[in-house]
């Protein structure tokens, strides 16, 4: 099983300042349609809504299909539970810290079908996935900033 957790600062010097609500709204948008936020994803379709905070979606990452159940834990965490595909487990995006030191943390606990735990193949996959998720978190914050900038300019 792969366990990874990283946090990056939300408000870097010189960047458009984001508050907690901005980040939360962006995470909800990403949960519903991750294409503008996750460069490696080529499909994201919500397939069923169970409630206002729980829904399923089908995605494709690097052409590989997965089904995820999304749980929105307002105002701080979105949990993605992989229900089908070659990689199963849980991924979380979480807003941590106060407004002055806010970070966006991603964590995942995943099992790769057909890959031995602790193997080099698993380690290589974990490294690739960590790089992908760091890129996704950076892209997510950039997309959120763009929405905030556009809203500020039109106000």
N, C-alpha and C. Protein backbone atom coordinates (compact mmCIF):
# COMPACT_ATOMS: atom_id res chain seq x y z
N UNK A 1 0.85 -1.18 0.00
CA UNK A 1 0.00 0.00 0.00
C UNK A 1 0.89 1.23 0.00
N UNK A 2 0.44 2.23 -0.73
CA UNK A 2 1.17 3.49 -0.84
C UNK A 2 0.50 4.52 0.06
N UNK A 3 1.30 5.16 0.92
CA UNK A 3 0.82 6.25 1.75
C UNK A 3 1.67 7.48 1.45
N UNK A 4 1.02 8.56 1.05
CA UNK A 4 1.73 9.81 0.76
C UNK A 4 0.90 10.97 1.28
N UNK A 5 1.56 11.97 1.83
CA UNK A 5 0.88 13.19 2.26
C UNK A 5 1.84 14.36 2.07
N UNK A 6 1.38 15.39 1.37
CA UNK A 6 2.16 16.61 1.15
C UNK A 6 1.23 17.81 1.31
N UNK A 7 1.79 18.91 1.77
CA UNK A 7 1.04 20.17 1.87
C UNK A 7 1.86 21.26 1.21
N UNK A 8 1.16 22.13 0.48
CA UNK A 8 1.84 23.27 -0.10
C UNK A 8 1.13 24.54 0.35
N UNK A 9 1.89 25.62 0.52
CA UNK A 9 1.27 26.88 0.94
C UNK A 9 0.27 27.37 -0.10
N UNK A 10 -0.84 27.90 0.37
CA UNK A 10 -1.86 28.42 -0.53
C UNK A 10 -1.47 29.79 -1.05
N UNK A 11 -0.95 30.62 -0.18
CA UNK A 11 -0.68 32.02 -0.55
C UNK A 11 0.81 32.31 -0.61
N UNK A 12 1.37 32.12 -1.79
CA UNK A 12 2.78 32.45 -2.02
C UNK A 12 2.91 33.95 -2.23
N UNK A 13 4.07 34.47 -1.92
CA UNK A 13 4.33 35.90 -2.09
C UNK A 13 4.11 36.30 -3.55
N UNK A 14 3.43 37.41 -3.75
CA UNK A 14 3.20 37.95 -5.07
C UNK A 14 2.01 37.36 -5.81
N UNK A 15 1.43 36.31 -5.27
CA UNK A 15 0.27 35.68 -5.92
C UNK A 15 -1.01 36.29 -5.40
N UNK A 16 -2.08 36.17 -6.18
CA UNK A 16 -3.40 36.63 -5.72
C UNK A 16 -3.74 35.90 -4.43
N UNK A 17 -4.12 36.66 -3.42
CA UNK A 17 -4.43 36.08 -2.12
C UNK A 17 -5.76 35.32 -2.17
N UNK A 18 -5.74 34.11 -1.64
CA UNK A 18 -6.94 33.29 -1.55
C UNK A 18 -7.33 33.12 -0.10
N UNK A 19 -8.63 33.23 0.18
CA UNK A 19 -9.09 32.93 1.53
C UNK A 19 -9.64 31.50 1.56
N UNK A 20 -9.99 31.04 2.72
CA UNK A 20 -10.47 29.67 2.91
C UNK A 20 -11.69 29.38 2.02
N UNK A 21 -12.60 30.33 1.93
CA UNK A 21 -13.80 30.13 1.12
C UNK A 21 -13.45 29.99 -0.37
N UNK A 22 -12.48 30.78 -0.85
CA UNK A 22 -12.03 30.66 -2.24
C UNK A 22 -11.51 29.25 -2.51
N UNK A 23 -10.69 28.76 -1.60
CA UNK A 23 -10.10 27.44 -1.79
C UNK A 23 -11.17 26.36 -1.72
N UNK A 24 -12.08 26.47 -0.75
CA UNK A 24 -13.16 25.49 -0.64
C UNK A 24 -14.00 25.47 -1.93
N UNK A 25 -14.40 26.64 -2.40
CA UNK A 25 -15.20 26.70 -3.62
C UNK A 25 -14.46 26.05 -4.79
N UNK A 26 -13.15 26.27 -4.87
CA UNK A 26 -12.35 25.66 -5.92
C UNK A 26 -12.29 24.14 -5.79
N UNK A 27 -12.18 23.64 -4.57
CA UNK A 27 -12.16 22.19 -4.37
C UNK A 27 -13.49 21.56 -4.77
N UNK A 28 -14.58 22.25 -4.50
CA UNK A 28 -15.90 21.73 -4.89
C UNK A 28 -16.01 21.71 -6.41
N UNK A 29 -15.54 22.78 -7.07
CA UNK A 29 -15.55 22.80 -8.54
C UNK A 29 -14.70 21.66 -9.09
N UNK A 30 -13.53 21.46 -8.49
CA UNK A 30 -12.63 20.39 -8.93
C UNK A 30 -13.29 19.02 -8.75
N UNK A 31 -13.99 18.83 -7.66
CA UNK A 31 -14.65 17.54 -7.42
C UNK A 31 -15.70 17.26 -8.49
N UNK A 32 -16.40 18.30 -8.93
CA UNK A 32 -17.46 18.14 -9.92
C UNK A 32 -16.93 18.06 -11.35
N UNK A 33 -15.83 18.74 -11.63
CA UNK A 33 -15.22 18.69 -12.95
C UNK A 33 -13.74 18.99 -12.82
N UNK A 34 -12.95 17.95 -12.73
CA UNK A 34 -11.52 18.11 -12.46
C UNK A 34 -10.69 18.48 -13.68
N UNK A 35 -11.27 18.47 -14.86
CA UNK A 35 -10.48 18.70 -16.07
C UNK A 35 -9.69 20.01 -16.06
N UNK A 36 -10.26 21.15 -15.60
CA UNK A 36 -9.44 22.37 -15.58
C UNK A 36 -8.35 22.37 -14.49
N UNK A 37 -8.41 21.39 -13.59
CA UNK A 37 -7.53 21.37 -12.42
C UNK A 37 -6.46 20.29 -12.46
N UNK A 38 -6.69 19.20 -13.18
CA UNK A 38 -5.79 18.04 -13.14
C UNK A 38 -5.28 17.76 -14.56
N UNK A 39 -4.08 18.20 -14.87
CA UNK A 39 -3.56 18.06 -16.23
C UNK A 39 -3.55 16.62 -16.77
N UNK A 40 -3.34 15.63 -15.91
CA UNK A 40 -3.25 14.24 -16.37
C UNK A 40 -4.62 13.61 -16.64
N UNK A 41 -5.71 14.32 -16.31
CA UNK A 41 -7.06 13.76 -16.45
C UNK A 41 -7.66 14.17 -17.79
N UNK A 42 -8.24 13.18 -18.49
CA UNK A 42 -8.84 13.45 -19.80
C UNK A 42 -10.35 13.29 -19.81
N UNK A 43 -10.94 12.76 -18.74
CA UNK A 43 -12.39 12.63 -18.64
C UNK A 43 -12.79 12.76 -17.18
N UNK A 44 -13.93 13.40 -16.96
CA UNK A 44 -14.49 13.53 -15.61
C UNK A 44 -15.98 13.76 -15.76
N UNK A 45 -16.75 12.72 -15.45
CA UNK A 45 -18.19 12.77 -15.62
C UNK A 45 -18.89 12.35 -14.34
N UNK A 46 -19.69 13.24 -13.75
CA UNK A 46 -20.49 12.86 -12.59
C UNK A 46 -21.57 11.91 -13.07
N UNK A 47 -21.67 10.75 -12.43
CA UNK A 47 -22.60 9.72 -12.88
C UNK A 47 -23.80 9.54 -11.95
N UNK A 48 -23.64 9.87 -10.68
CA UNK A 48 -24.76 9.71 -9.75
C UNK A 48 -24.55 10.61 -8.54
N UNK A 49 -25.63 11.28 -8.12
CA UNK A 49 -25.60 12.11 -6.91
C UNK A 49 -26.41 11.39 -5.84
N UNK A 50 -25.75 11.10 -4.72
CA UNK A 50 -26.40 10.42 -3.60
C UNK A 50 -26.99 11.42 -2.61
N UNK A 51 -26.37 12.60 -2.54
CA UNK A 51 -26.83 13.69 -1.68
C UNK A 51 -26.14 14.96 -2.14
N UNK A 52 -26.33 16.04 -1.41
CA UNK A 52 -25.65 17.28 -1.75
C UNK A 52 -24.15 17.23 -1.51
N UNK A 53 -23.70 16.23 -0.75
CA UNK A 53 -22.28 16.15 -0.41
C UNK A 53 -21.61 14.84 -0.82
N UNK A 54 -22.36 13.94 -1.44
CA UNK A 54 -21.79 12.66 -1.87
C UNK A 54 -22.25 12.35 -3.29
N UNK A 55 -21.28 12.08 -4.17
CA UNK A 55 -21.62 11.72 -5.54
C UNK A 55 -20.52 10.85 -6.13
N UNK A 56 -20.85 10.18 -7.24
CA UNK A 56 -19.90 9.32 -7.95
C UNK A 56 -19.53 9.98 -9.26
N UNK A 57 -18.31 9.69 -9.69
CA UNK A 57 -17.88 10.18 -10.99
C UNK A 57 -16.97 9.15 -11.64
N UNK A 58 -16.99 9.15 -12.97
CA UNK A 58 -16.06 8.36 -13.76
C UNK A 58 -14.99 9.30 -14.28
N UNK A 59 -13.74 8.86 -14.17
CA UNK A 59 -12.62 9.68 -14.63
C UNK A 59 -11.69 8.82 -15.49
N UNK A 60 -10.83 9.48 -16.23
CA UNK A 60 -9.75 8.80 -16.94
C UNK A 60 -8.48 9.60 -16.68
N UNK A 61 -7.46 8.90 -16.19
CA UNK A 61 -6.15 9.51 -15.95
C UNK A 61 -5.15 8.76 -16.82
N UNK A 62 -4.52 9.52 -17.71
CA UNK A 62 -3.60 8.93 -18.68
C UNK A 62 -4.28 7.78 -19.43
N UNK A 63 -5.56 7.99 -19.73
CA UNK A 63 -6.33 7.02 -20.50
C UNK A 63 -6.89 5.85 -19.71
N UNK A 64 -6.55 5.75 -18.44
CA UNK A 64 -7.03 4.63 -17.62
C UNK A 64 -8.29 5.04 -16.86
N UNK A 65 -9.36 4.21 -16.95
CA UNK A 65 -10.64 4.57 -16.31
C UNK A 65 -10.68 4.20 -14.82
N UNK A 66 -11.37 5.06 -14.06
CA UNK A 66 -11.61 4.83 -12.63
C UNK A 66 -13.01 5.34 -12.30
N UNK A 67 -13.59 4.78 -11.26
CA UNK A 67 -14.81 5.33 -10.69
C UNK A 67 -14.49 5.75 -9.27
N UNK A 68 -14.92 6.95 -8.91
CA UNK A 68 -14.66 7.49 -7.57
C UNK A 68 -15.96 7.93 -6.92
N UNK A 69 -16.03 7.75 -5.61
CA UNK A 69 -17.09 8.35 -4.81
C UNK A 69 -16.48 9.56 -4.13
N UNK A 70 -17.13 10.70 -4.31
CA UNK A 70 -16.65 11.96 -3.75
C UNK A 70 -17.48 12.29 -2.51
N UNK A 71 -16.80 12.67 -1.44
CA UNK A 71 -17.47 13.12 -0.22
C UNK A 71 -16.93 14.50 0.12
N UNK A 72 -17.84 15.48 0.12
CA UNK A 72 -17.47 16.86 0.45
C UNK A 72 -17.68 17.06 1.95
N UNK A 73 -16.62 17.37 2.67
CA UNK A 73 -16.68 17.61 4.10
C UNK A 73 -16.42 19.09 4.34
N UNK A 74 -17.46 19.88 4.07
CA UNK A 74 -17.34 21.33 4.17
C UNK A 74 -17.00 21.75 5.59
N UNK A 75 -16.10 22.67 5.78
CA UNK A 75 -15.44 23.53 4.79
C UNK A 75 -13.98 23.20 4.59
N UNK A 76 -13.56 21.96 4.82
CA UNK A 76 -12.12 21.74 4.83
C UNK A 76 -11.58 20.53 4.07
N UNK A 77 -12.41 19.55 3.71
CA UNK A 77 -11.84 18.34 3.11
C UNK A 77 -12.76 17.75 2.03
N UNK A 78 -12.13 17.27 0.96
CA UNK A 78 -12.81 16.51 -0.08
C UNK A 78 -12.11 15.15 -0.13
N UNK A 79 -12.92 14.08 -0.03
CA UNK A 79 -12.37 12.73 -0.05
C UNK A 79 -12.82 12.04 -1.34
N UNK A 80 -11.86 11.45 -2.04
CA UNK A 80 -12.09 10.71 -3.28
C UNK A 80 -11.81 9.24 -2.98
N UNK A 81 -12.83 8.41 -3.00
CA UNK A 81 -12.65 6.99 -2.74
C UNK A 81 -12.72 6.25 -4.07
N UNK A 82 -11.60 5.66 -4.46
CA UNK A 82 -11.54 4.91 -5.72
C UNK A 82 -12.29 3.60 -5.54
N UNK A 83 -13.35 3.42 -6.32
CA UNK A 83 -14.19 2.24 -6.21
C UNK A 83 -13.93 1.22 -7.31
N UNK A 84 -13.40 1.65 -8.45
CA UNK A 84 -13.04 0.71 -9.50
C UNK A 84 -11.86 1.26 -10.29
N UNK A 85 -11.11 0.35 -10.84
CA UNK A 85 -9.91 0.68 -11.58
C UNK A 85 -8.75 -0.14 -11.06
N UNK A 86 -7.60 0.07 -11.63
CA UNK A 86 -6.43 -0.72 -11.24
C UNK A 86 -5.76 -0.21 -9.96
N UNK A 87 -6.14 0.98 -9.52
CA UNK A 87 -5.58 1.56 -8.29
C UNK A 87 -6.75 1.95 -7.40
N UNK A 88 -6.86 1.29 -6.24
CA UNK A 88 -7.98 1.53 -5.34
C UNK A 88 -7.48 2.15 -4.04
N UNK A 89 -8.36 2.87 -3.37
CA UNK A 89 -8.01 3.47 -2.09
C UNK A 89 -8.65 4.82 -1.93
N UNK A 90 -8.01 5.68 -1.16
CA UNK A 90 -8.57 6.97 -0.81
C UNK A 90 -7.57 8.08 -1.07
N UNK A 91 -8.08 9.18 -1.62
CA UNK A 91 -7.30 10.40 -1.84
C UNK A 91 -8.06 11.52 -1.14
N UNK A 92 -7.35 12.39 -0.44
CA UNK A 92 -8.00 13.51 0.24
C UNK A 92 -7.31 14.82 -0.14
N UNK A 93 -8.11 15.86 -0.34
CA UNK A 93 -7.62 17.24 -0.48
C UNK A 93 -8.14 17.98 0.73
N UNK A 94 -7.25 18.62 1.48
CA UNK A 94 -7.66 19.22 2.75
C UNK A 94 -7.03 20.59 2.93
N UNK A 95 -7.86 21.53 3.35
CA UNK A 95 -7.39 22.87 3.68
C UNK A 95 -6.97 22.84 5.15
N UNK A 96 -5.71 23.16 5.41
CA UNK A 96 -5.20 23.12 6.78
C UNK A 96 -4.57 24.46 7.15
N UNK A 97 -4.49 24.73 8.44
CA UNK A 97 -3.89 25.95 8.94
C UNK A 97 -4.86 27.11 8.95
N UNK A 98 -4.41 28.21 9.56
CA UNK A 98 -5.26 29.40 9.59
C UNK A 98 -5.00 30.23 8.34
N UNK A 99 -5.71 31.34 8.22
CA UNK A 99 -5.61 32.14 6.99
C UNK A 99 -4.19 32.63 6.72
N UNK A 100 -3.41 32.89 7.75
CA UNK A 100 -2.05 33.38 7.55
C UNK A 100 -1.09 32.29 7.10
N UNK A 101 -1.38 31.05 7.46
CA UNK A 101 -0.47 29.95 7.11
C UNK A 101 -1.22 28.80 6.42
N UNK A 102 -2.28 29.14 5.71
CA UNK A 102 -3.11 28.12 5.08
C UNK A 102 -2.31 27.31 4.06
N UNK A 103 -2.58 25.99 4.09
CA UNK A 103 -1.96 25.07 3.14
C UNK A 103 -3.04 24.19 2.53
N UNK A 104 -2.75 23.66 1.35
CA UNK A 104 -3.60 22.66 0.73
C UNK A 104 -2.81 21.36 0.77
N UNK A 105 -3.36 20.40 1.50
CA UNK A 105 -2.69 19.11 1.68
C UNK A 105 -3.42 18.05 0.85
N UNK A 106 -2.65 17.24 0.17
CA UNK A 106 -3.22 16.07 -0.47
C UNK A 106 -2.58 14.85 0.17
N UNK A 107 -3.39 13.85 0.36
CA UNK A 107 -2.94 12.59 0.94
C UNK A 107 -3.56 11.46 0.16
N UNK A 108 -2.83 10.38 0.03
CA UNK A 108 -3.46 9.20 -0.55
C UNK A 108 -2.94 7.92 0.09
N UNK A 109 -3.84 6.95 0.15
CA UNK A 109 -3.55 5.60 0.61
C UNK A 109 -4.13 4.70 -0.48
N UNK A 110 -3.26 4.08 -1.26
CA UNK A 110 -3.70 3.36 -2.45
C UNK A 110 -3.05 1.99 -2.56
N UNK A 111 -3.77 1.09 -3.20
CA UNK A 111 -3.26 -0.24 -3.51
C UNK A 111 -3.34 -0.42 -5.02
N UNK A 112 -2.28 -0.91 -5.62
CA UNK A 112 -2.23 -1.12 -7.06
C UNK A 112 -2.48 -2.60 -7.33
N UNK A 113 -3.51 -2.87 -8.10
CA UNK A 113 -3.85 -4.26 -8.43
C UNK A 113 -2.68 -4.93 -9.15
N UNK A 114 -2.30 -6.10 -8.66
CA UNK A 114 -1.26 -6.89 -9.32
C UNK A 114 0.16 -6.46 -9.03
N UNK A 115 0.34 -5.50 -8.12
CA UNK A 115 1.69 -5.03 -7.79
C UNK A 115 1.99 -5.38 -6.33
N UNK A 116 3.12 -5.98 -6.10
CA UNK A 116 3.52 -6.40 -4.75
C UNK A 116 3.85 -5.19 -3.90
N UNK A 117 3.25 -5.16 -2.70
CA UNK A 117 3.55 -4.08 -1.75
C UNK A 117 5.02 -4.05 -1.41
N UNK A 118 5.60 -2.87 -1.39
CA UNK A 118 7.01 -2.71 -1.05
C UNK A 118 7.96 -2.94 -2.21
N UNK A 119 7.42 -3.27 -3.38
CA UNK A 119 8.27 -3.55 -4.55
C UNK A 119 8.76 -2.24 -5.18
N UNK A 120 9.76 -2.38 -6.05
CA UNK A 120 10.26 -1.22 -6.79
C UNK A 120 9.18 -0.67 -7.70
N UNK A 121 8.36 -1.56 -8.27
CA UNK A 121 7.27 -1.11 -9.14
C UNK A 121 6.29 -0.23 -8.36
N UNK A 122 5.99 -0.61 -7.11
CA UNK A 122 5.10 0.20 -6.28
C UNK A 122 5.76 1.54 -5.95
N UNK A 123 7.05 1.51 -5.63
CA UNK A 123 7.78 2.75 -5.31
C UNK A 123 7.82 3.69 -6.51
N UNK A 124 8.03 3.13 -7.70
CA UNK A 124 8.05 3.96 -8.91
C UNK A 124 6.67 4.58 -9.16
N UNK A 125 5.61 3.79 -8.97
CA UNK A 125 4.26 4.31 -9.14
C UNK A 125 3.99 5.42 -8.13
N UNK A 126 4.39 5.21 -6.88
CA UNK A 126 4.18 6.22 -5.83
C UNK A 126 4.89 7.52 -6.18
N UNK A 127 6.11 7.42 -6.69
CA UNK A 127 6.85 8.63 -7.06
C UNK A 127 6.16 9.36 -8.20
N UNK A 128 5.70 8.61 -9.21
CA UNK A 128 5.01 9.21 -10.36
C UNK A 128 3.70 9.87 -9.91
N UNK A 129 2.97 9.17 -9.04
CA UNK A 129 1.69 9.70 -8.58
C UNK A 129 1.90 10.94 -7.70
N UNK A 130 2.93 10.93 -6.88
CA UNK A 130 3.23 12.09 -6.05
C UNK A 130 3.53 13.30 -6.93
N UNK A 131 4.32 13.10 -7.97
CA UNK A 131 4.62 14.19 -8.91
C UNK A 131 3.34 14.69 -9.57
N UNK A 132 2.49 13.74 -10.01
CA UNK A 132 1.22 14.12 -10.63
C UNK A 132 0.36 14.93 -9.67
N UNK A 133 0.27 14.50 -8.42
CA UNK A 133 -0.59 15.19 -7.46
C UNK A 133 -0.03 16.53 -7.05
N UNK A 134 1.29 16.65 -6.94
CA UNK A 134 1.87 17.97 -6.67
C UNK A 134 1.51 18.92 -7.82
N UNK A 135 1.60 18.41 -9.05
CA UNK A 135 1.20 19.21 -10.21
C UNK A 135 -0.27 19.56 -10.18
N UNK A 136 -1.11 18.60 -9.77
CA UNK A 136 -2.56 18.85 -9.70
C UNK A 136 -2.89 19.88 -8.63
N UNK A 137 -2.22 19.82 -7.49
CA UNK A 137 -2.48 20.80 -6.43
C UNK A 137 -2.05 22.19 -6.88
N UNK A 138 -0.89 22.28 -7.53
CA UNK A 138 -0.42 23.56 -8.05
C UNK A 138 -1.38 24.09 -9.11
N UNK A 139 -1.83 23.21 -10.02
CA UNK A 139 -2.78 23.61 -11.06
C UNK A 139 -4.12 24.02 -10.44
N UNK A 140 -4.53 23.33 -9.39
CA UNK A 140 -5.79 23.66 -8.70
C UNK A 140 -5.72 25.06 -8.13
N UNK A 141 -4.64 25.38 -7.43
CA UNK A 141 -4.50 26.72 -6.85
C UNK A 141 -4.43 27.78 -7.95
N UNK A 142 -3.75 27.48 -9.04
CA UNK A 142 -3.69 28.44 -10.15
C UNK A 142 -5.07 28.67 -10.75
N UNK A 143 -5.85 27.61 -10.92
CA UNK A 143 -7.19 27.75 -11.48
C UNK A 143 -8.11 28.53 -10.53
N UNK A 144 -7.97 28.28 -9.24
CA UNK A 144 -8.77 29.02 -8.25
C UNK A 144 -8.39 30.51 -8.31
N UNK A 145 -7.09 30.81 -8.38
CA UNK A 145 -6.64 32.20 -8.47
C UNK A 145 -7.22 32.89 -9.70
N UNK A 146 -7.26 32.17 -10.81
CA UNK A 146 -7.79 32.74 -12.05
C UNK A 146 -9.26 33.11 -11.87
N UNK A 147 -10.05 32.23 -11.24
CA UNK A 147 -11.47 32.52 -10.98
C UNK A 147 -11.61 33.74 -10.08
N UNK A 148 -10.80 33.81 -9.02
CA UNK A 148 -10.85 34.94 -8.10
C UNK A 148 -10.45 36.23 -8.80
N UNK A 149 -9.40 36.17 -9.63
CA UNK A 149 -8.98 37.36 -10.37
C UNK A 149 -10.06 37.84 -11.32
N UNK A 150 -10.68 36.92 -12.04
CA UNK A 150 -11.75 37.29 -12.98
C UNK A 150 -12.94 37.89 -12.25
N UNK A 151 -13.29 37.34 -11.09
CA UNK A 151 -14.40 37.88 -10.31
C UNK A 151 -14.08 39.27 -9.80
N UNK A 152 -12.84 39.48 -9.40
CA UNK A 152 -12.42 40.79 -8.89
C UNK A 152 -12.44 41.83 -10.02
N UNK A 153 -12.01 41.42 -11.21
CA UNK A 153 -11.96 42.35 -12.34
C UNK A 153 -13.37 42.72 -12.84
N UNK A 154 -14.31 41.79 -12.72
CA UNK A 154 -15.67 42.06 -13.21
C UNK A 154 -16.53 42.75 -12.15
N UNK A 155 -16.03 42.84 -10.93
CA UNK A 155 -16.82 43.48 -9.86
C UNK A 155 -16.70 44.98 -9.88
